[in-house]
Amino acid sequence: MLPARRYPQLADTGLLIGRLALGIVFVAHGWQKLNDLGHSGVTKMFDGLGIPMPGAAAAFATWVELAGGVALIVGALLPLVGLLLAADMAGAFWYVHKDNGLFADKGGYELVLILGALALLLALTGAGRFSVDALLWGRRRDEDAPAREPVNA
């Protein structure tokens, strides 16, 4: 038996650690856009990158990263937040990094790939028991259901 199945709190602890790490990174990037560059600076940068509707895209990226990062940290609305952050990273991949190869030191997509994949992972798995989502909506996981006997055909 896998340790996470025998001790389900291990999986929830892993989800908490992952949410905290990913949330901190997204908050930092959203804060950088908001505080260091400002909306006009991000809009100008996005326009120079050829991103459609740069003003709307700048607002989306800034606030999804900042508010989404906070939501990851506390574990709130994870299915929605994870999808929005994954979409944000898909846009960064498509418009900025895809032609630069894998490695970030060459402008590649390794960072946006892992950030987007982890956001999608959390959207699909949920926040775990150590989260606002668990407090508000309770846990609906298979391991909480009573064990069932296999049906013989």
N, C-alpha and C. Protein backbone atom coordinates (compact mmCIF):
# COMPACT_ATOMS: atom_id res chain seq x y z
N MET A 1 0.84 -1.18 0.00
CA MET A 1 0.00 0.00 0.00
C MET A 1 0.89 1.25 0.00
N LEU A 2 0.53 2.20 -0.83
CA LEU A 2 1.28 3.45 -0.90
C LEU A 2 1.10 4.26 0.38
N PRO A 3 2.17 4.93 0.87
CA PRO A 3 2.05 5.71 2.11
C PRO A 3 0.93 6.75 2.07
N ALA A 4 0.73 7.39 0.92
CA ALA A 4 -0.31 8.43 0.83
C ALA A 4 -1.70 7.84 0.96
N ARG A 5 -1.89 6.58 0.57
CA ARG A 5 -3.20 5.95 0.73
C ARG A 5 -3.41 5.48 2.16
N ARG A 6 -2.34 5.03 2.78
CA ARG A 6 -2.44 4.57 4.16
C ARG A 6 -2.57 5.77 5.10
N TYR A 7 -1.90 6.84 4.78
CA TYR A 7 -1.93 8.07 5.57
C TYR A 7 -2.35 9.22 4.66
N PRO A 8 -3.65 9.41 4.44
CA PRO A 8 -4.11 10.42 3.47
C PRO A 8 -3.63 11.83 3.79
N GLN A 9 -3.31 12.11 5.06
CA GLN A 9 -2.83 13.45 5.40
C GLN A 9 -1.49 13.75 4.72
N LEU A 10 -0.74 12.72 4.32
CA LEU A 10 0.52 12.95 3.60
C LEU A 10 0.25 13.60 2.24
N ALA A 11 -0.75 13.11 1.53
CA ALA A 11 -1.11 13.71 0.24
C ALA A 11 -1.58 15.15 0.44
N ASP A 12 -2.38 15.37 1.48
CA ASP A 12 -2.86 16.73 1.75
C ASP A 12 -1.72 17.66 2.16
N THR A 13 -0.74 17.15 2.86
CA THR A 13 0.44 17.94 3.21
C THR A 13 1.23 18.28 1.95
N GLY A 14 1.35 17.32 1.05
CA GLY A 14 2.02 17.59 -0.23
C GLY A 14 1.29 18.65 -1.04
N LEU A 15 -0.04 18.58 -1.08
CA LEU A 15 -0.82 19.60 -1.78
C LEU A 15 -0.62 20.98 -1.14
N LEU A 16 -0.57 21.02 0.19
CA LEU A 16 -0.33 22.29 0.88
C LEU A 16 1.03 22.87 0.51
N ILE A 17 2.07 22.05 0.57
CA ILE A 17 3.42 22.53 0.24
C ILE A 17 3.47 23.01 -1.21
N GLY A 18 2.89 22.25 -2.12
CA GLY A 18 2.85 22.66 -3.53
C GLY A 18 2.09 23.95 -3.75
N ARG A 19 0.93 24.07 -3.08
CA ARG A 19 0.14 25.30 -3.20
C ARG A 19 0.90 26.51 -2.68
N LEU A 20 1.57 26.36 -1.54
CA LEU A 20 2.33 27.47 -0.97
C LEU A 20 3.45 27.92 -1.90
N ALA A 21 4.22 26.96 -2.39
CA ALA A 21 5.35 27.29 -3.28
C ALA A 21 4.86 27.94 -4.56
N LEU A 22 3.87 27.34 -5.19
CA LEU A 22 3.35 27.87 -6.45
C LEU A 22 2.69 29.22 -6.23
N GLY A 23 1.94 29.34 -5.14
CA GLY A 23 1.27 30.61 -4.84
C GLY A 23 2.25 31.74 -4.63
N ILE A 24 3.34 31.47 -3.93
CA ILE A 24 4.36 32.51 -3.70
C ILE A 24 4.95 32.99 -5.03
N VAL A 25 5.23 32.07 -5.92
CA VAL A 25 5.79 32.45 -7.23
C VAL A 25 4.79 33.30 -8.02
N PHE A 26 3.53 32.89 -8.04
CA PHE A 26 2.54 33.67 -8.78
C PHE A 26 2.30 35.03 -8.14
N VAL A 27 2.23 35.10 -6.82
CA VAL A 27 2.07 36.40 -6.15
C VAL A 27 3.25 37.31 -6.51
N ALA A 28 4.45 36.78 -6.49
CA ALA A 28 5.64 37.60 -6.80
C ALA A 28 5.56 38.15 -8.23
N HIS A 29 5.16 37.32 -9.17
CA HIS A 29 5.07 37.78 -10.56
C HIS A 29 3.92 38.78 -10.75
N GLY A 30 2.78 38.53 -10.10
CA GLY A 30 1.68 39.49 -10.19
C GLY A 30 2.03 40.81 -9.53
N TRP A 31 2.69 40.74 -8.36
CA TRP A 31 3.09 41.96 -7.66
C TRP A 31 4.11 42.75 -8.49
N GLN A 32 5.02 42.04 -9.14
CA GLN A 32 6.01 42.70 -9.99
C GLN A 32 5.30 43.47 -11.12
N LYS A 33 4.31 42.84 -11.73
CA LYS A 33 3.57 43.51 -12.79
C LYS A 33 2.83 44.73 -12.25
N LEU A 34 2.19 44.58 -11.11
CA LEU A 34 1.39 45.67 -10.55
C LEU A 34 2.25 46.79 -10.00
N ASN A 35 3.25 46.46 -9.21
CA ASN A 35 4.02 47.45 -8.47
C ASN A 35 5.22 48.00 -9.25
N ASP A 36 5.98 47.13 -9.88
CA ASP A 36 7.20 47.58 -10.56
C ASP A 36 6.93 48.17 -11.94
N LEU A 37 6.07 47.51 -12.71
CA LEU A 37 5.81 47.95 -14.08
C LEU A 37 4.57 48.81 -14.20
N GLY A 38 3.55 48.51 -13.42
CA GLY A 38 2.27 49.21 -13.53
C GLY A 38 1.51 48.73 -14.74
N HIS A 39 0.21 49.03 -14.76
CA HIS A 39 -0.63 48.55 -15.86
C HIS A 39 -0.13 49.07 -17.21
N SER A 40 0.25 50.34 -17.27
CA SER A 40 0.71 50.89 -18.56
C SER A 40 2.01 50.24 -19.01
N GLY A 41 2.89 49.94 -18.08
CA GLY A 41 4.14 49.29 -18.44
C GLY A 41 3.94 47.87 -18.94
N VAL A 42 3.04 47.13 -18.28
CA VAL A 42 2.75 45.76 -18.72
C VAL A 42 2.04 45.80 -20.07
N THR A 43 1.12 46.74 -20.23
CA THR A 43 0.42 46.89 -21.51
C THR A 43 1.41 47.17 -22.64
N LYS A 44 2.33 48.08 -22.40
CA LYS A 44 3.34 48.43 -23.41
C LYS A 44 4.21 47.21 -23.74
N MET A 45 4.61 46.46 -22.70
CA MET A 45 5.43 45.27 -22.92
C MET A 45 4.64 44.23 -23.73
N PHE A 46 3.38 44.00 -23.37
CA PHE A 46 2.56 43.02 -24.08
C PHE A 46 2.32 43.45 -25.51
N ASP A 47 2.13 44.74 -25.72
CA ASP A 47 1.95 45.25 -27.08
C ASP A 47 3.20 44.98 -27.92
N GLY A 48 4.37 45.22 -27.34
CA GLY A 48 5.62 44.96 -28.03
C GLY A 48 5.85 43.48 -28.34
N LEU A 49 5.24 42.60 -27.54
CA LEU A 49 5.35 41.16 -27.77
C LEU A 49 4.32 40.65 -28.76
N GLY A 50 3.42 41.55 -29.21
CA GLY A 50 2.40 41.14 -30.17
C GLY A 50 1.22 40.43 -29.55
N ILE A 51 1.01 40.62 -28.27
CA ILE A 51 -0.11 39.97 -27.59
C ILE A 51 -1.39 40.75 -27.94
N PRO A 52 -2.42 40.05 -28.41
CA PRO A 52 -3.67 40.74 -28.77
C PRO A 52 -4.30 41.41 -27.55
N MET A 53 -4.99 42.50 -27.78
CA MET A 53 -5.65 43.27 -26.72
C MET A 53 -4.72 43.42 -25.51
N PRO A 54 -3.58 44.08 -25.69
CA PRO A 54 -2.57 44.13 -24.65
C PRO A 54 -3.04 44.71 -23.32
N GLY A 55 -3.95 45.67 -23.34
CA GLY A 55 -4.46 46.23 -22.09
C GLY A 55 -5.26 45.22 -21.30
N ALA A 56 -6.14 44.52 -21.98
CA ALA A 56 -6.95 43.49 -21.30
C ALA A 56 -6.07 42.33 -20.85
N ALA A 57 -5.13 41.95 -21.72
CA ALA A 57 -4.22 40.85 -21.37
C ALA A 57 -3.34 41.22 -20.18
N ALA A 58 -2.92 42.48 -20.11
CA ALA A 58 -2.10 42.94 -18.98
C ALA A 58 -2.89 42.89 -17.68
N ALA A 59 -4.13 43.35 -17.72
CA ALA A 59 -4.98 43.29 -16.52
C ALA A 59 -5.23 41.84 -16.12
N PHE A 60 -5.54 40.99 -17.09
CA PHE A 60 -5.78 39.57 -16.81
C PHE A 60 -4.55 38.94 -16.16
N ALA A 61 -3.40 39.08 -16.79
CA ALA A 61 -2.18 38.44 -16.28
C ALA A 61 -1.82 38.96 -14.89
N THR A 62 -1.89 40.26 -14.71
CA THR A 62 -1.53 40.84 -13.41
C THR A 62 -2.42 40.32 -12.30
N TRP A 63 -3.73 40.42 -12.50
CA TRP A 63 -4.66 40.08 -11.42
C TRP A 63 -4.84 38.58 -11.25
N VAL A 64 -4.76 37.82 -12.33
CA VAL A 64 -4.85 36.36 -12.18
C VAL A 64 -3.63 35.86 -11.42
N GLU A 65 -2.46 36.39 -11.73
CA GLU A 65 -1.25 35.95 -11.02
C GLU A 65 -1.27 36.40 -9.55
N LEU A 66 -1.64 37.63 -9.30
CA LEU A 66 -1.63 38.15 -7.93
C LEU A 66 -2.74 37.51 -7.08
N ALA A 67 -3.97 37.66 -7.51
CA ALA A 67 -5.10 37.10 -6.74
C ALA A 67 -5.09 35.58 -6.79
N GLY A 68 -4.73 35.02 -7.94
CA GLY A 68 -4.66 33.56 -8.05
C GLY A 68 -3.59 32.98 -7.16
N GLY A 69 -2.47 33.67 -7.03
CA GLY A 69 -1.42 33.21 -6.13
C GLY A 69 -1.88 33.21 -4.68
N VAL A 70 -2.61 34.25 -4.29
CA VAL A 70 -3.16 34.30 -2.93
C VAL A 70 -4.17 33.16 -2.74
N ALA A 71 -5.01 32.93 -3.74
CA ALA A 71 -5.99 31.85 -3.65
C ALA A 71 -5.31 30.48 -3.53
N LEU A 72 -4.20 30.30 -4.23
CA LEU A 72 -3.44 29.05 -4.09
C LEU A 72 -2.93 28.90 -2.66
N ILE A 73 -2.39 29.96 -2.11
CA ILE A 73 -1.81 29.90 -0.77
C ILE A 73 -2.85 29.49 0.26
N VAL A 74 -4.04 30.07 0.18
CA VAL A 74 -5.08 29.74 1.16
C VAL A 74 -5.91 28.53 0.75
N GLY A 75 -5.81 28.14 -0.51
CA GLY A 75 -6.55 26.98 -1.00
C GLY A 75 -8.01 27.28 -1.26
N ALA A 76 -8.28 28.38 -1.95
CA ALA A 76 -9.65 28.79 -2.24
C ALA A 76 -9.95 28.74 -3.73
N LEU A 77 -11.06 28.15 -4.08
CA LEU A 77 -11.56 28.10 -5.47
C LEU A 77 -10.55 27.46 -6.42
N LEU A 78 -9.89 26.42 -5.96
CA LEU A 78 -8.79 25.83 -6.72
C LEU A 78 -9.14 25.36 -8.11
N PRO A 79 -10.29 24.73 -8.36
CA PRO A 79 -10.56 24.32 -9.74
C PRO A 79 -10.57 25.52 -10.70
N LEU A 80 -11.22 26.60 -10.32
CA LEU A 80 -11.28 27.79 -11.17
C LEU A 80 -9.93 28.49 -11.25
N VAL A 81 -9.32 28.72 -10.11
CA VAL A 81 -8.04 29.43 -10.06
C VAL A 81 -6.96 28.68 -10.82
N GLY A 82 -6.91 27.37 -10.64
CA GLY A 82 -5.92 26.57 -11.36
C GLY A 82 -6.08 26.67 -12.86
N LEU A 83 -7.32 26.65 -13.35
CA LEU A 83 -7.56 26.78 -14.79
C LEU A 83 -7.18 28.17 -15.30
N LEU A 84 -7.50 29.21 -14.54
CA LEU A 84 -7.14 30.57 -14.96
C LEU A 84 -5.62 30.75 -15.01
N LEU A 85 -4.93 30.23 -14.01
CA LEU A 85 -3.46 30.34 -14.00
C LEU A 85 -2.84 29.51 -15.12
N ALA A 86 -3.39 28.33 -15.39
CA ALA A 86 -2.90 27.51 -16.50
C ALA A 86 -3.11 28.23 -17.83
N ALA A 87 -4.26 28.89 -17.99
CA ALA A 87 -4.52 29.66 -19.21
C ALA A 87 -3.55 30.83 -19.34
N ASP A 88 -3.26 31.48 -18.23
CA ASP A 88 -2.28 32.57 -18.22
C ASP A 88 -0.91 32.07 -18.69
N MET A 89 -0.50 30.92 -18.19
CA MET A 89 0.79 30.36 -18.58
C MET A 89 0.77 29.84 -20.02
N ALA A 90 -0.37 29.37 -20.48
CA ALA A 90 -0.48 28.96 -21.89
C ALA A 90 -0.28 30.17 -22.80
N GLY A 91 -0.84 31.31 -22.41
CA GLY A 91 -0.62 32.54 -23.19
C GLY A 91 0.84 32.96 -23.16
N ALA A 92 1.48 32.87 -22.00
CA ALA A 92 2.91 33.21 -21.91
C ALA A 92 3.74 32.27 -22.79
N PHE A 93 3.39 31.00 -22.76
CA PHE A 93 4.08 30.03 -23.63
C PHE A 93 3.92 30.42 -25.09
N TRP A 94 2.67 30.61 -25.51
CA TRP A 94 2.38 30.81 -26.93
C TRP A 94 2.95 32.13 -27.46
N TYR A 95 2.78 33.20 -26.73
CA TYR A 95 3.16 34.51 -27.25
C TYR A 95 4.59 34.92 -26.94
N VAL A 96 5.22 34.29 -25.96
CA VAL A 96 6.53 34.78 -25.54
C VAL A 96 7.63 33.73 -25.64
N HIS A 97 7.38 32.50 -25.21
CA HIS A 97 8.48 31.55 -24.98
C HIS A 97 8.62 30.40 -25.95
N LYS A 98 7.59 30.05 -26.72
CA LYS A 98 7.61 28.79 -27.48
C LYS A 98 8.74 28.69 -28.50
N ASP A 99 9.15 29.77 -29.07
CA ASP A 99 10.19 29.72 -30.10
C ASP A 99 11.60 29.80 -29.55
N ASN A 100 11.73 29.86 -28.23
CA ASN A 100 13.05 30.03 -27.61
C ASN A 100 13.61 28.75 -27.00
N GLY A 101 12.98 27.62 -27.26
CA GLY A 101 13.46 26.37 -26.70
C GLY A 101 13.00 26.18 -25.27
N LEU A 102 13.54 25.18 -24.63
CA LEU A 102 13.11 24.80 -23.29
C LEU A 102 13.68 25.69 -22.19
N PHE A 103 14.95 26.00 -22.25
CA PHE A 103 15.65 26.56 -21.10
C PHE A 103 15.36 28.05 -20.88
N ALA A 104 15.06 28.39 -19.62
CA ALA A 104 14.68 29.75 -19.25
C ALA A 104 15.81 30.75 -19.46
N ASP A 105 17.05 30.31 -19.32
CA ASP A 105 18.16 31.26 -19.48
C ASP A 105 18.28 31.76 -20.92
N LYS A 106 17.59 31.09 -21.84
CA LYS A 106 17.55 31.53 -23.23
C LYS A 106 16.16 32.05 -23.61
N GLY A 107 15.35 32.39 -22.59
CA GLY A 107 14.00 32.86 -22.84
C GLY A 107 13.02 31.75 -23.13
N GLY A 108 13.39 30.52 -22.81
CA GLY A 108 12.57 29.36 -23.11
C GLY A 108 11.38 29.20 -22.17
N TYR A 109 10.67 28.10 -22.38
CA TYR A 109 9.38 27.90 -21.74
C TYR A 109 9.39 27.01 -20.51
N GLU A 110 10.55 26.64 -19.97
CA GLU A 110 10.55 25.69 -18.85
C GLU A 110 9.78 26.20 -17.64
N LEU A 111 9.90 27.47 -17.30
CA LEU A 111 9.21 28.00 -16.13
C LEU A 111 7.70 28.05 -16.37
N VAL A 112 7.26 28.59 -17.50
CA VAL A 112 5.82 28.67 -17.74
C VAL A 112 5.21 27.28 -17.91
N LEU A 113 5.99 26.33 -18.42
CA LEU A 113 5.50 24.96 -18.56
C LEU A 113 5.22 24.35 -17.18
N ILE A 114 6.18 24.47 -16.28
CA ILE A 114 6.00 23.85 -14.97
C ILE A 114 4.96 24.61 -14.14
N LEU A 115 4.92 25.93 -14.23
CA LEU A 115 3.91 26.69 -13.50
C LEU A 115 2.51 26.36 -14.00
N GLY A 116 2.35 26.30 -15.31
CA GLY A 116 1.04 25.96 -15.89
C GLY A 116 0.62 24.54 -15.57
N ALA A 117 1.56 23.60 -15.66
CA ALA A 117 1.24 22.20 -15.36
C ALA A 117 0.86 22.02 -13.89
N LEU A 118 1.56 22.68 -13.00
CA LEU A 118 1.24 22.57 -11.58
C LEU A 118 -0.10 23.23 -11.26
N ALA A 119 -0.40 24.35 -11.91
CA ALA A 119 -1.69 24.99 -11.71
C ALA A 119 -2.82 24.07 -12.19
N LEU A 120 -2.62 23.43 -13.33
CA LEU A 120 -3.61 22.49 -13.85
C LEU A 120 -3.73 21.27 -12.94
N LEU A 121 -2.62 20.78 -12.43
CA LEU A 121 -2.64 19.67 -11.48
C LEU A 121 -3.50 20.01 -10.27
N LEU A 122 -3.32 21.20 -9.71
CA LEU A 122 -4.11 21.60 -8.55
C LEU A 122 -5.57 21.83 -8.91
N ALA A 123 -5.84 22.30 -10.13
CA ALA A 123 -7.23 22.44 -10.57
C ALA A 123 -7.92 21.08 -10.60
N LEU A 124 -7.18 20.05 -10.98
CA LEU A 124 -7.76 18.71 -11.12
C LEU A 124 -7.80 17.93 -9.81
N THR A 125 -6.83 18.15 -8.93
CA THR A 125 -6.79 17.39 -7.67
C THR A 125 -7.55 18.08 -6.55
N GLY A 126 -7.64 19.40 -6.61
CA GLY A 126 -8.23 20.15 -5.52
C GLY A 126 -7.15 20.58 -4.54
N ALA A 127 -7.57 21.32 -3.54
CA ALA A 127 -6.65 21.95 -2.60
C ALA A 127 -6.22 21.06 -1.45
N GLY A 128 -6.96 19.99 -1.20
CA GLY A 128 -6.65 19.14 -0.06
C GLY A 128 -7.34 19.61 1.20
N ARG A 129 -7.17 18.83 2.27
CA ARG A 129 -7.92 19.11 3.51
C ARG A 129 -7.42 20.34 4.25
N PHE A 130 -6.21 20.79 3.98
CA PHE A 130 -5.67 21.98 4.67
C PHE A 130 -5.90 23.21 3.81
N SER A 131 -7.17 23.58 3.61
CA SER A 131 -7.50 24.65 2.69
C SER A 131 -8.84 25.28 3.04
N VAL A 132 -9.06 26.46 2.50
CA VAL A 132 -10.36 27.12 2.62
C VAL A 132 -11.42 26.29 1.92
N ASP A 133 -11.11 25.74 0.75
CA ASP A 133 -12.08 24.91 0.03
C ASP A 133 -12.59 23.77 0.91
N ALA A 134 -11.70 23.11 1.63
CA ALA A 134 -12.11 22.01 2.50
C ALA A 134 -12.98 22.51 3.65
N LEU A 135 -12.67 23.68 4.18
CA LEU A 135 -13.48 24.25 5.25
C LEU A 135 -14.89 24.60 4.77
N LEU A 136 -14.96 25.16 3.56
CA LEU A 136 -16.25 25.62 3.05
C LEU A 136 -17.11 24.49 2.50
N TRP A 137 -16.50 23.59 1.76
CA TRP A 137 -17.28 22.59 1.04
C TRP A 137 -17.04 21.16 1.50
N GLY A 138 -16.17 20.98 2.45
CA GLY A 138 -15.89 19.64 2.95
C GLY A 138 -15.09 18.83 1.95
N ARG A 139 -14.78 17.64 2.36
CA ARG A 139 -13.95 16.78 1.51
C ARG A 139 -14.83 15.79 0.80
N ARG A 140 -14.60 15.64 -0.48
CA ARG A 140 -15.32 14.65 -1.28
C ARG A 140 -14.30 13.80 -2.01
N ARG A 141 -13.67 12.93 -1.26
CA ARG A 141 -12.62 12.10 -1.84
C ARG A 141 -12.98 10.64 -1.67
N ASP A 142 -12.49 9.83 -2.58
CA ASP A 142 -12.78 8.41 -2.54
C ASP A 142 -12.30 7.77 -1.24
N GLU A 143 -11.19 8.24 -0.68
CA GLU A 143 -10.66 7.59 0.52
C GLU A 143 -11.55 7.83 1.74
N ASP A 144 -12.44 8.82 1.67
CA ASP A 144 -13.36 9.06 2.77
C ASP A 144 -14.60 8.17 2.70
N ALA A 145 -14.83 7.59 1.53
CA ALA A 145 -15.99 6.72 1.36
C ALA A 145 -15.71 5.36 1.98
N PRO A 146 -16.76 4.70 2.47
CA PRO A 146 -16.54 3.37 3.03
C PRO A 146 -16.04 2.41 1.97
N ALA A 147 -15.20 1.48 2.38
CA ALA A 147 -14.65 0.51 1.44
C ALA A 147 -15.76 -0.39 0.94
N ARG A 148 -15.69 -0.74 -0.34
CA ARG A 148 -16.68 -1.62 -0.95
C ARG A 148 -16.03 -2.92 -1.33
N GLU A 149 -16.79 -3.96 -1.19
CA GLU A 149 -16.30 -5.28 -1.59
C GLU A 149 -16.34 -5.37 -3.11
N PRO A 150 -15.34 -6.02 -3.73
CA PRO A 150 -15.38 -6.19 -5.18
C PRO A 150 -16.54 -7.10 -5.57
N VAL A 151 -17.11 -6.76 -6.72
CA VAL A 151 -18.22 -7.56 -7.24
C VAL A 151 -17.64 -8.65 -8.12
N ASN A 152 -18.01 -9.89 -7.84
CA ASN A 152 -17.56 -11.01 -8.67
C ASN A 152 -18.57 -11.25 -9.77
N ALA A 153 -18.07 -11.38 -10.97
CA ALA A 153 -18.96 -11.60 -12.11
C ALA A 153 -19.31 -13.03 -12.30
